[in-house]
Protein backbone atom coordinates (compact mmCIF):
# COMPACT_ATOMS: atom_id res chain seq x y z
CA GLU A 1 56.33 -10.73 52.07
CA LEU A 2 54.34 -13.93 51.53
CA GLU A 3 56.97 -15.92 53.38
CA ASN A 4 56.78 -13.52 56.33
CA GLN A 5 53.00 -13.78 56.40
CA LEU A 6 53.22 -17.58 56.28
CA THR A 7 55.67 -17.58 59.18
CA ALA A 8 53.27 -15.45 61.21
CA LYS A 9 50.32 -17.71 60.34
CA SER A 10 52.37 -20.79 61.23
CA LYS A 11 53.06 -19.31 64.65
CA THR A 12 49.36 -18.54 65.08
CA LEU A 13 48.55 -22.12 64.10
CA ASP A 14 51.08 -23.48 66.61
CA ASP A 15 49.57 -21.26 69.31
CA LEU A 16 46.13 -22.59 68.42
CA LYS A 17 47.40 -26.18 68.70
CA GLN A 18 48.79 -25.47 72.16
CA SER A 19 45.65 -23.68 73.24
CA LEU A 20 43.41 -26.52 72.10
CA ALA A 21 45.66 -29.11 73.69
CA SER A 22 45.56 -27.40 77.06
CA ASN A 23 42.05 -25.90 77.16
CA GLY A 24 39.86 -27.73 74.69
CA SER A 25 36.62 -26.23 73.50
CA ALA A 26 33.07 -26.77 74.59
CA GLU A 27 31.76 -26.00 71.11
CA GLN A 28 33.50 -28.85 69.28
CA THR A 29 34.59 -32.33 70.18
CA PRO A 30 38.34 -32.94 70.50
CA GLU A 31 38.17 -35.16 67.39
CA ALA A 32 36.55 -32.39 65.34
CA GLN A 33 39.10 -29.88 66.59
CA SER A 34 41.97 -32.21 65.70
CA LEU A 35 40.50 -32.82 62.25
CA ARG A 36 40.06 -29.10 61.58
CA LEU A 37 43.57 -28.39 62.85
CA ALA A 38 45.00 -31.10 60.58
CA GLU A 39 43.16 -29.53 57.62
CA LEU A 40 44.62 -26.13 58.47
CA CYS A 41 48.11 -27.59 58.69
CA GLU A 42 47.70 -29.28 55.30
CA MET A 43 46.47 -26.04 53.77
CA LYS A 44 49.43 -24.16 55.26
CA ASP A 45 51.89 -26.77 53.92
CA SER A 46 50.28 -26.55 50.49
CA ILE A 47 50.59 -22.77 50.48
CA VAL A 48 54.23 -22.98 51.62
CA ASN A 49 54.95 -25.30 48.67
CA GLN A 50 53.15 -22.98 46.24
CA VAL A 51 55.12 -19.99 47.50
CA ALA A 52 58.38 -21.93 47.06
CA GLN A 53 57.40 -22.79 43.47
CA LEU A 54 56.41 -19.18 42.81
CA LYS A 55 59.73 -17.97 44.19
CA ALA A 56 61.65 -20.37 41.91
CA SER A 57 59.59 -19.25 38.90
CA MET A 58 60.13 -15.58 39.70
CA GLN A 59 63.89 -16.18 40.04
CA SER A 60 63.93 -17.80 36.59
CA ILE A 61 61.95 -14.91 35.10
CA LEU A 62 64.30 -12.40 36.70
CA GLU A 63 67.32 -14.16 35.15
CA GLN A 64 65.62 -14.14 31.75
CA TRP A 65 64.91 -10.38 32.03
CA ARG A 66 68.56 -9.75 32.94
CA ALA A 67 69.66 -11.66 29.84
CA TYR A 68 67.13 -9.71 27.75
CA ASP A 69 68.43 -6.39 29.09
CA GLU A 70 72.02 -7.33 28.25
CA ILE A 71 71.13 -8.43 24.73
CA TYR A 72 68.93 -5.37 24.19
CA ALA A 73 71.78 -3.05 25.18
CA GLU A 74 74.11 -4.87 22.79
CA VAL A 75 71.63 -4.69 19.90
CA SER A 76 70.96 -1.02 20.61
CA LEU A 77 74.68 -0.27 20.47
CA MET A 78 75.06 -2.21 17.22
CA THR A 79 72.10 -0.37 15.71
CA THR A 80 73.61 2.97 16.64
CA ARG A 81 76.90 1.94 15.04
CA TYR A 82 75.15 0.80 11.85
CA LEU A 83 73.18 4.03 11.63
CA TYR A 84 76.40 5.99 12.00
CA CYS A 85 78.05 3.93 9.24
CA ILE A 86 75.07 4.42 6.95
CA ASP A 87 75.17 8.14 7.63
CA GLN A 88 78.87 8.21 6.75
CA CYS A 89 78.24 6.35 3.50
CA LYS A 90 75.78 8.94 2.18
CA PRO A 91 77.11 11.16 -0.59
CA SER A 92 77.83 14.67 0.60
CA GLY A 93 75.91 16.47 -2.17
CA GLU A 94 72.69 15.93 -4.04
CA GLU A 95 74.45 14.38 -6.99
CA ALA A 96 77.14 11.80 -6.57
CA SER A 97 80.03 12.79 -8.80
CA LEU A 98 82.94 10.47 -9.45
CA GLU A 99 85.26 12.73 -7.42
CA ALA A 100 82.86 12.83 -4.50
CA LEU A 101 82.58 9.04 -4.52
CA LYS A 102 86.38 8.63 -4.67
CA LYS A 103 86.73 11.02 -1.74
CA GLN A 104 84.13 9.08 0.21
CA VAL A 105 85.91 5.77 -0.50
CA LYS A 106 89.14 7.27 0.85
CA THR A 107 87.33 8.50 3.95
CA LEU A 108 85.82 5.09 4.58
CA GLN A 109 89.13 3.33 4.06
């Protein structure tokens, strides 16, 4: 969106350059107009550079979030597996008898 707005403003600035070159202005001297126009062009170039830097930064952040999402999904799956294993390791009754433990060992094996 910023790039589109900058393109539109660049076109407006180019139109202004052409208009000043052909018509001039009674309010300001040609030197003052040229100086102001040069300032506007510098400001536009600065903003274009800032937008390019912002775009690169946002791309980097997006890649980092993708990596985070992948790792989070993997950790979540591992956690679910561990919770299932822990649940399977619990003794079936209140008291853990030797027979119940042997049965559980067989089940786990």
